[in-house]
Amino acid sequence: GRGPGVEVLLHAGVPSRPVTVLDLHTRRLCV
């Protein structure tokens, strides 16, 4: 409901929308 919309990427990729949320899955990765 804000701005031009949002996309969510579940793997590494190139953003294609003005607002992009990318899940890096780092929570349980080693440092």
Full PDB file with SEQRES, HELIX, SHEET, SSBOND, CRYST1, ORIGX, SCALE, CONECT and MASTER records, all heavy atoms in Angstrom:
SEQRES   1 A   31  GLY ARG GLY PRO GLY VAL GLU VAL LEU LEU HIS ALA GLY          
SEQRES   2 A   31  VAL PRO SER ARG PRO VAL THR VAL LEU ASP LEU HIS THR          
SEQRES   3 A   31  ARG ARG LEU CYS VAL                                          
SHEET    1 AA1 2 VAL A   6  LEU A   9  0                                        
SHEET    2 AA1 2 VAL A  19  LEU A  22  1                                        
CRYST1    1.000    1.000    1.000  90.00  90.00  90.00 P 1           1          
ORIGX1      1.000000  0.000000  0.000000        0.00000                         
ORIGX2      0.000000  1.000000  0.000000        0.00000                         
ORIGX3      0.000000  0.000000  1.000000        0.00000                         
SCALE1      1.000000  0.000000  0.000000        0.00000                         
SCALE2      0.000000  1.000000  0.000000        0.00000                         
SCALE3      0.000000  0.000000  1.000000        0.00000                         
ATOM      1  N   GLY A   1       0.794  -1.219   0.000  1.00  0.00           N  
ATOM      2  CA  GLY A   1       0.000   0.000   0.000  1.00  0.00           C  
ATOM      3  C   GLY A   1       0.822   1.263   0.000  1.00  0.00           C  
ATOM      4  O   GLY A   1       0.286   2.366   0.095  1.00  0.00           O  
ATOM      5  N   ARG A   2       2.156   1.120  -0.116  1.00  0.00           N  
ATOM      6  CA  ARG A   2       3.051   2.271  -0.115  1.00  0.00           C  
ATOM      7  C   ARG A   2       3.866   2.287  -1.400  1.00  0.00           C  
ATOM      8  O   ARG A   2       4.353   1.244  -1.869  1.00  0.00           O  
ATOM      9  CB  ARG A   2       4.019   2.199   1.066  1.00  0.00           C  
ATOM     10  CG  ARG A   2       3.354   2.312   2.422  1.00  0.00           C  
ATOM     11  CD  ARG A   2       3.075   3.755   2.770  1.00  0.00           C  
ATOM     12  NE  ARG A   2       2.515   3.909   4.100  1.00  0.00           N  
ATOM     13  CZ  ARG A   2       2.293   5.088   4.673  1.00  0.00           C  
ATOM     14  NH1 ARG A   2       2.587   6.206   4.034  1.00  0.00           N  
ATOM     15  NH2 ARG A   2       1.755   5.151   5.872  1.00  0.00           N  
ATOM     16  N   GLY A   3       4.039   3.468  -1.984  1.00  0.00           N  
ATOM     17  CA  GLY A   3       4.893   3.601  -3.148  1.00  0.00           C  
ATOM     18  C   GLY A   3       4.409   2.764  -4.312  1.00  0.00           C  
ATOM     19  O   GLY A   3       3.225   2.440  -4.439  1.00  0.00           O  
ATOM     20  N   PRO A   4       5.342   2.351  -5.178  1.00  0.00           N  
ATOM     21  CA  PRO A   4       4.956   1.649  -6.414  1.00  0.00           C  
ATOM     22  C   PRO A   4       4.792   0.145  -6.257  1.00  0.00           C  
ATOM     23  O   PRO A   4       4.616  -0.559  -7.238  1.00  0.00           O  
ATOM     24  CB  PRO A   4       6.122   1.969  -7.349  1.00  0.00           C  
ATOM     25  CG  PRO A   4       7.290   2.084  -6.425  1.00  0.00           C  
ATOM     26  CD  PRO A   4       6.764   2.689  -5.147  1.00  0.00           C  
ATOM     27  N   GLY A   5       4.861  -0.383  -5.046  1.00  0.00           N  
ATOM     28  CA  GLY A   5       4.742  -1.822  -4.839  1.00  0.00           C  
ATOM     29  C   GLY A   5       6.053  -2.448  -4.434  1.00  0.00           C  
ATOM     30  O   GLY A   5       7.112  -1.825  -4.506  1.00  0.00           O  
ATOM     31  N   VAL A   6       5.993  -3.709  -4.009  1.00  0.00           N  
ATOM     32  CA  VAL A   6       7.172  -4.389  -3.474  1.00  0.00           C  
ATOM     33  C   VAL A   6       7.249  -5.799  -4.032  1.00  0.00           C  
ATOM     34  O   VAL A   6       6.227  -6.446  -4.278  1.00  0.00           O  
ATOM     35  CB  VAL A   6       7.117  -4.411  -1.926  1.00  0.00           C  
ATOM     36  CG1 VAL A   6       5.854  -5.074  -1.428  1.00  0.00           C  
ATOM     37  CG2 VAL A   6       8.361  -5.083  -1.332  1.00  0.00           C  
ATOM     38  N   GLU A   7       8.473  -6.271  -4.266  1.00  0.00           N  
ATOM     39  CA  GLU A   7       8.707  -7.659  -4.653  1.00  0.00           C  
ATOM     40  C   GLU A   7       9.570  -8.321  -3.591  1.00  0.00           C  
ATOM     41  O   GLU A   7      10.339  -7.662  -2.890  1.00  0.00           O  
ATOM     42  CB  GLU A   7       9.405  -7.750  -6.013  1.00  0.00           C  
ATOM     43  CG  GLU A   7      10.829  -7.203  -6.001  1.00  0.00           C  
ATOM     44  CD  GLU A   7      11.543  -7.364  -7.332  1.00  0.00           C  
ATOM     45  OE1 GLU A   7      11.002  -8.044  -8.225  1.00  0.00           O  
ATOM     46  OE2 GLU A   7      12.647  -6.803  -7.474  1.00  0.00           O  
ATOM     47  N   VAL A   8       9.416  -9.634  -3.452  1.00  0.00           N  
ATOM     48  CA  VAL A   8      10.220 -10.421  -2.520  1.00  0.00           C  
ATOM     49  C   VAL A   8      10.990 -11.459  -3.315  1.00  0.00           C  
ATOM     50  O   VAL A   8      10.397 -12.252  -4.055  1.00  0.00           O  
ATOM     51  CB  VAL A   8       9.345 -11.118  -1.460  1.00  0.00           C  
ATOM     52  CG1 VAL A   8      10.214 -11.958  -0.524  1.00  0.00           C  
ATOM     53  CG2 VAL A   8       8.533 -10.096  -0.658  1.00  0.00           C  
ATOM     54  N   LEU A   9      12.311 -11.451  -3.165  1.00  0.00           N  
ATOM     55  CA  LEU A   9      13.170 -12.451  -3.798  1.00  0.00           C  
ATOM     56  C   LEU A   9      13.634 -13.434  -2.728  1.00  0.00           C  
ATOM     57  O   LEU A   9      14.179 -13.026  -1.700  1.00  0.00           O  
ATOM     58  CB  LEU A   9      14.381 -11.791  -4.459  1.00  0.00           C  
ATOM     59  CG  LEU A   9      14.111 -10.722  -5.521  1.00  0.00           C  
ATOM     60  CD1 LEU A   9      15.423 -10.206  -6.102  1.00  0.00           C  
ATOM     61  CD2 LEU A   9      13.225 -11.273  -6.629  1.00  0.00           C  
ATOM     62  N   LEU A  10      13.419 -14.712  -2.981  1.00  0.00           N  
ATOM     63  CA  LEU A  10      13.800 -15.734  -2.009  1.00  0.00           C  
ATOM     64  C   LEU A  10      15.201 -16.276  -2.257  1.00  0.00           C  
ATOM     65  O   LEU A  10      15.700 -17.083  -1.466  1.00  0.00           O  
ATOM     66  CB  LEU A  10      12.784 -16.877  -2.018  1.00  0.00           C  
ATOM     67  CG  LEU A  10      11.338 -16.461  -1.723  1.00  0.00           C  
ATOM     68  CD1 LEU A  10      10.451 -17.689  -1.634  1.00  0.00           C  
ATOM     69  CD2 LEU A  10      11.254 -15.644  -0.442  1.00  0.00           C  
ATOM     70  N   HIS A  11      15.819 -15.854  -3.352  1.00  0.00           N  
ATOM     71  CA  HIS A  11      17.206 -16.215  -3.650  1.00  0.00           C  
ATOM     72  C   HIS A  11      17.875 -14.994  -4.263  1.00  0.00           C  
ATOM     73  O   HIS A  11      17.206 -14.062  -4.714  1.00  0.00           O  
ATOM     74  CB  HIS A  11      17.284 -17.409  -4.603  1.00  0.00           C  
ATOM     75  CG  HIS A  11      16.681 -18.665  -4.054  1.00  0.00           C  
ATOM     76  ND1 HIS A  11      17.331 -19.468  -3.159  1.00  0.00           N  
ATOM     77  CD2 HIS A  11      15.468 -19.240  -4.268  1.00  0.00           C  
ATOM     78  CE1 HIS A  11      16.563 -20.492  -2.839  1.00  0.00           C  
ATOM     79  NE2 HIS A  11      15.418 -20.376  -3.503  1.00  0.00           N  
ATOM     80  N   ALA A  12      19.192 -15.019  -4.302  1.00  0.00           N  
ATOM     81  CA  ALA A  12      19.935 -13.888  -4.846  1.00  0.00           C  
ATOM     82  C   ALA A  12      19.474 -13.587  -6.260  1.00  0.00           C  
ATOM     83  O   ALA A  12      19.277 -14.482  -7.079  1.00  0.00           O  
ATOM     84  CB  ALA A  12      21.431 -14.189  -4.833  1.00  0.00           C  
ATOM     85  N   GLY A  13      19.281 -12.316  -6.542  1.00  0.00           N  
ATOM     86  CA  GLY A  13      18.831 -11.906  -7.865  1.00  0.00           C  
ATOM     87  C   GLY A  13      18.941 -10.408  -8.018  1.00  0.00           C  
ATOM     88  O   GLY A  13      19.258  -9.698  -7.067  1.00  0.00           O  
ATOM     89  N   VAL A  14      18.669  -9.930  -9.205  1.00  0.00           N  
ATOM     90  CA  VAL A  14      18.742  -8.506  -9.494  1.00  0.00           C  
ATOM     91  C   VAL A  14      17.366  -7.888  -9.271  1.00  0.00           C  
ATOM     92  O   VAL A  14      16.375  -8.360  -9.836  1.00  0.00           O  
ATOM     93  CB  VAL A  14      19.201  -8.260 -10.943  1.00  0.00           C  
ATOM     94  CG1 VAL A  14      19.216  -6.766 -11.252  1.00  0.00           C  
ATOM     95  CG2 VAL A  14      20.581  -8.868 -11.166  1.00  0.00           C  
ATOM     96  N   PRO A  15      17.262  -6.855  -8.446  1.00  0.00           N  
ATOM     97  CA  PRO A  15      15.959  -6.220  -8.210  1.00  0.00           C  
ATOM     98  C   PRO A  15      15.334  -5.712  -9.501  1.00  0.00           C  
ATOM     99  O   PRO A  15      16.023  -5.162 -10.363  1.00  0.00           O  
ATOM    100  CB  PRO A  15      16.311  -5.055  -7.278  1.00  0.00           C  
ATOM    101  CG  PRO A  15      17.590  -5.462  -6.621  1.00  0.00           C  
ATOM    102  CD  PRO A  15      18.341  -6.242  -7.656  1.00  0.00           C  
ATOM    103  N   SER A  16      14.030  -5.909  -9.627  1.00  0.00           N  
ATOM    104  CA  SER A  16      13.319  -5.449 -10.822  1.00  0.00           C  
ATOM    105  C   SER A  16      12.199  -4.478 -10.490  1.00  0.00           C  
ATOM    106  O   SER A  16      11.525  -3.995 -11.399  1.00  0.00           O  
ATOM    107  CB  SER A  16      12.735  -6.642 -11.586  1.00  0.00           C  
ATOM    108  OG  SER A  16      11.791  -7.341 -10.783  1.00  0.00           O  
ATOM    109  N   ARG A  17      11.979  -4.218  -9.214  1.00  0.00           N  
ATOM    110  CA  ARG A  17      10.948  -3.281  -8.783  1.00  0.00           C  
ATOM    111  C   ARG A  17      11.595  -2.179  -7.945  1.00  0.00           C  
ATOM    112  O   ARG A  17      12.691  -2.364  -7.393  1.00  0.00           O  
ATOM    113  CB  ARG A  17       9.886  -4.000  -7.942  1.00  0.00           C  
ATOM    114  CG  ARG A  17       9.113  -5.076  -8.678  1.00  0.00           C  
ATOM    115  CD  ARG A  17       8.116  -4.508  -9.670  1.00  0.00           C  
ATOM    116  NE  ARG A  17       7.046  -3.788  -9.003  1.00  0.00           N  
ATOM    117  CZ  ARG A  17       5.936  -4.357  -8.541  1.00  0.00           C  
ATOM    118  NH1 ARG A  17       5.744  -5.665  -8.655  1.00  0.00           N  
ATOM    119  NH2 ARG A  17       4.991  -3.629  -7.976  1.00  0.00           N  
ATOM    120  N   PRO A  18      10.930  -1.040  -7.814  1.00  0.00           N  
ATOM    121  CA  PRO A  18      11.508   0.037  -6.994  1.00  0.00           C  
ATOM    122  C   PRO A  18      11.763  -0.365  -5.541  1.00  0.00           C  
ATOM    123  O   PRO A  18      12.693   0.139  -4.911  1.00  0.00           O  
ATOM    124  CB  PRO A  18      10.454   1.147  -7.097  1.00  0.00           C  
ATOM    125  CG  PRO A  18       9.804   0.911  -8.412  1.00  0.00           C  
ATOM    126  CD  PRO A  18       9.734  -0.581  -8.550  1.00  0.00           C  
ATOM    127  N   VAL A  19      10.934  -1.258  -4.993  1.00  0.00           N  
ATOM    128  CA  VAL A  19      11.156  -1.763  -3.635  1.00  0.00           C  
ATOM    129  C   VAL A  19      11.323  -3.272  -3.708  1.00  0.00           C  
ATOM    130  O   VAL A  19      10.432  -3.988  -4.169  1.00  0.00           O  
ATOM    131  CB  VAL A  19       9.989  -1.408  -2.693  1.00  0.00           C  
ATOM    132  CG1 VAL A  19      10.239  -1.992  -1.303  1.00  0.00           C  
ATOM    133  CG2 VAL A  19       9.796   0.104  -2.608  1.00  0.00           C  
ATOM    134  N   THR A  20      12.478  -3.744  -3.266  1.00  0.00           N  
ATOM    135  CA  THR A  20      12.789  -5.174  -3.304  1.00  0.00           C  
ATOM    136  C   THR A  20      13.212  -5.637  -1.925  1.00  0.00           C  
ATOM    137  O   THR A  20      14.040  -4.993  -1.269  1.00  0.00           O  
ATOM    138  CB  THR A  20      13.921  -5.475  -4.296  1.00  0.00           C  
ATOM    139  OG1 THR A  20      13.511  -5.094  -5.613  1.00  0.00           O  
ATOM    140  CG2 THR A  20      14.273  -6.958  -4.300  1.00  0.00           C  
ATOM    141  N   VAL A  21      12.644  -6.742  -1.481  1.00  0.00           N  
ATOM    142  CA  VAL A  21      13.068  -7.401  -0.246  1.00  0.00           C  
ATOM    143  C   VAL A  21      13.724  -8.719  -0.637  1.00  0.00           C  
ATOM    144  O   VAL A  21      13.115  -9.546  -1.324  1.00  0.00           O  
ATOM    145  CB  VAL A  21      11.882  -7.657   0.704  1.00  0.00           C  
ATOM    146  CG1 VAL A  21      12.360  -8.369   1.966  1.00  0.00           C  
ATOM    147  CG2 VAL A  21      11.182  -6.352   1.059  1.00  0.00           C  
ATOM    148  N   LEU A  22      14.961  -8.911  -0.213  1.00  0.00           N  
ATOM    149  CA  LEU A  22      15.737 -10.099  -0.571  1.00  0.00           C  
ATOM    150  C   LEU A  22      16.040 -10.908   0.682  1.00  0.00           C  
ATOM    151  O   LEU A  22      16.643 -10.396   1.632  1.00  0.00           O  
ATOM    152  CB  LEU A  22      17.040  -9.681  -1.255  1.00  0.00           C  
ATOM    153  CG  LEU A  22      18.074 -10.772  -1.543  1.00  0.00           C  
ATOM    154  CD1 LEU A  22      17.484 -11.861  -2.425  1.00  0.00           C  
ATOM    155  CD2 LEU A  22      19.312 -10.159  -2.190  1.00  0.00           C  
ATOM    156  N   ASP A  23      15.598 -12.163   0.702  1.00  0.00           N  
ATOM    157  CA  ASP A  23      15.898 -13.068   1.816  1.00  0.00           C  
ATOM    158  C   ASP A  23      17.265 -13.696   1.584  1.00  0.00           C  
ATOM    159  O   ASP A  23      17.452 -14.475   0.646  1.00  0.00           O  
ATOM    160  CB  ASP A  23      14.815 -14.147   1.921  1.00  0.00           C  
ATOM    161  CG  ASP A  23      15.082 -15.126   3.057  1.00  0.00           C  
ATOM    162  OD1 ASP A  23      15.983 -14.876   3.884  1.00  0.00           O  
ATOM    163  OD2 ASP A  23      14.376 -16.152   3.114  1.00  0.00           O  
ATOM    164  N   LEU A  24      18.221 -13.368   2.454  1.00  0.00           N  
ATOM    165  CA  LEU A  24      19.587 -13.893   2.318  1.00  0.00           C  
ATOM    166  C   LEU A  24      19.789 -15.210   3.070  1.00  0.00           C  
ATOM    167  O   LEU A  24      20.854 -15.818   2.947  1.00  0.00           O  
ATOM    168  CB  LEU A  24      20.599 -12.855   2.823  1.00  0.00           C  
ATOM    169  CG  LEU A  24      20.656 -11.536   2.056  1.00  0.00           C  
ATOM    170  CD1 LEU A  24      21.713 -10.619   2.681  1.00  0.00           C  
ATOM    171  CD2 LEU A  24      20.979 -11.781   0.591  1.00  0.00           C  
ATOM    172  N   HIS A  25      18.824 -15.615   3.875  1.00  0.00           N  
ATOM    173  CA  HIS A  25      18.926 -16.887   4.623  1.00  0.00           C  
ATOM    174  C   HIS A  25      20.178 -16.931   5.508  1.00  0.00           C  
ATOM    175  O   HIS A  25      20.791 -17.992   5.683  1.00  0.00           O  
ATOM    176  CB  HIS A  25      18.950 -18.086   3.659  1.00  0.00           C  
ATOM    177  CG  HIS A  25      17.853 -18.074   2.641  1.00  0.00           C  
ATOM    178  ND1 HIS A  25      16.551 -18.421   2.931  1.00  0.00           N  
ATOM    179  CD2 HIS A  25      17.865 -17.746   1.324  1.00  0.00           C  
ATOM    180  CE1 HIS A  25      15.806 -18.318   1.837  1.00  0.00           C  
ATOM    181  NE2 HIS A  25      16.578 -17.902   0.852  1.00  0.00           N  
ATOM    182  N   THR A  26      20.578 -15.805   6.073  1.00  0.00           N  
ATOM    183  CA  THR A  26      21.824 -15.771   6.846  1.00  0.00           C  
ATOM    184  C   THR A  26      21.642 -16.104   8.323  1.00  0.00           C  
ATOM    185  O   THR A  26      22.643 -16.280   9.020  1.00  0.00           O  
ATOM    186  CB  THR A  26      22.471 -14.377   6.746  1.00  0.00           C  
ATOM    187  OG1 THR A  26      21.507 -13.384   7.137  1.00  0.00           O  
ATOM    188  CG2 THR A  26      22.950 -14.090   5.341  1.00  0.00           C  
ATOM    189  N   ARG A  27      20.419 -16.202   8.795  1.00  0.00           N  
ATOM    190  CA  ARG A  27      20.198 -16.361  10.237  1.00  0.00           C  
ATOM    191  C   ARG A  27      20.984 -17.525  10.823  1.00  0.00           C  
ATOM    192  O   ARG A  27      21.556 -17.428  11.913  1.00  0.00           O  
ATOM    193  CB  ARG A  27      18.698 -16.537  10.533  1.00  0.00           C  
ATOM    194  CG  ARG A  27      18.358 -16.826  12.001  1.00  0.00           C  
ATOM    195  CD  ARG A  27      18.575 -15.642  12.899  1.00  0.00           C  
ATOM    196  NE  ARG A  27      17.627 -14.591  12.599  1.00  0.00           N  
ATOM    197  CZ  ARG A  27      16.410 -14.502  13.138  1.00  0.00           C  
ATOM    198  NH1 ARG A  27      15.992 -15.414  14.002  1.00  0.00           N  
ATOM    199  NH2 ARG A  27      15.614 -13.499  12.823  1.00  0.00           N  
ATOM    200  N   ARG A  28      21.043 -18.645  10.094  1.00  0.00           N  
ATOM    201  CA  ARG A  28      21.711 -19.830  10.630  1.00  0.00           C  
ATOM    202  C   ARG A  28      23.027 -20.143   9.914  1.00  0.00           C  
ATOM    203  O   ARG A  28      23.596 -21.219  10.113  1.00  0.00           O  
ATOM    204  CB  ARG A  28      20.769 -21.033  10.543  1.00  0.00           C  
ATOM    205  CG  ARG A  28      19.496 -20.885  11.387  1.00  0.00           C  
ATOM    206  CD  ARG A  28      19.813 -20.703  12.848  1.00  0.00           C  
ATOM    207  NE  ARG A  28      18.623 -20.478  13.649  1.00  0.00           N  
ATOM    208  CZ  ARG A  28      18.636 -20.174  14.942  1.00  0.00           C  
ATOM    209  NH1 ARG A  28      19.790 -20.054  15.579  1.00  0.00           N  
ATOM    210  NH2 ARG A  28      17.507 -19.975  15.608  1.00  0.00           N  
ATOM    211  N   LEU A  29      23.500 -19.218   9.091  1.00  0.00           N  
ATOM    212  CA  LEU A  29      24.786 -19.443   8.423  1.00  0.00           C  
ATOM    213  C   LEU A  29      25.944 -19.199   9.382  1.00  0.00           C  
ATOM    214  O   LEU A  29      25.817 -18.455  10.358  1.00  0.00           O  
ATOM    215  CB  LEU A  29      24.933 -18.517   7.213  1.00  0.00           C  
ATOM    216  CG  LEU A  29      24.044 -18.767   5.997  1.00  0.00           C  
ATOM    217  CD1 LEU A  29      24.397 -17.772   4.899  1.00  0.00           C  
ATOM    218  CD2 LEU A  29      24.193 -20.193   5.489  1.00  0.00           C  
ATOM    219  N   CYS A  30      27.086 -19.806   9.076  1.00  0.00           N  
ATOM    220  CA  CYS A  30      28.289 -19.492   9.840  1.00  0.00           C  
ATOM    221  C   CYS A  30      28.693 -18.052   9.525  1.00  0.00           C  
ATOM    222  O   CYS A  30      28.249 -17.459   8.535  1.00  0.00           O  
ATOM    223  CB  CYS A  30      29.418 -20.460   9.509  1.00  0.00           C  
ATOM    224  SG  CYS A  30      30.100 -20.272   7.844  1.00  0.00           S  
ATOM    225  N   VAL A  31      29.543 -17.492  10.354  1.00  0.00           N  
ATOM    226  CA  VAL A  31      29.909 -16.083  10.230  1.00  0.00           C  
ATOM    227  C   VAL A  31      30.503 -15.771   8.864  1.00  0.00           C  
ATOM    228  O   VAL A  31      30.117 -14.788   8.215  1.00  0.00           O  
ATOM    229  CB  VAL A  31      30.888 -15.695  11.360  1.00  0.00           C  
ATOM    230  CG1 VAL A  31      31.490 -14.318  11.095  1.00  0.00           C  
ATOM    231  CG2 VAL A  31      30.173 -15.698  12.702  1.00  0.00           C  
TER     232      VAL A  31                                                      
MASTER        0    0    0    0    2    0    0    6  231    1    0    3          
END                                                                             
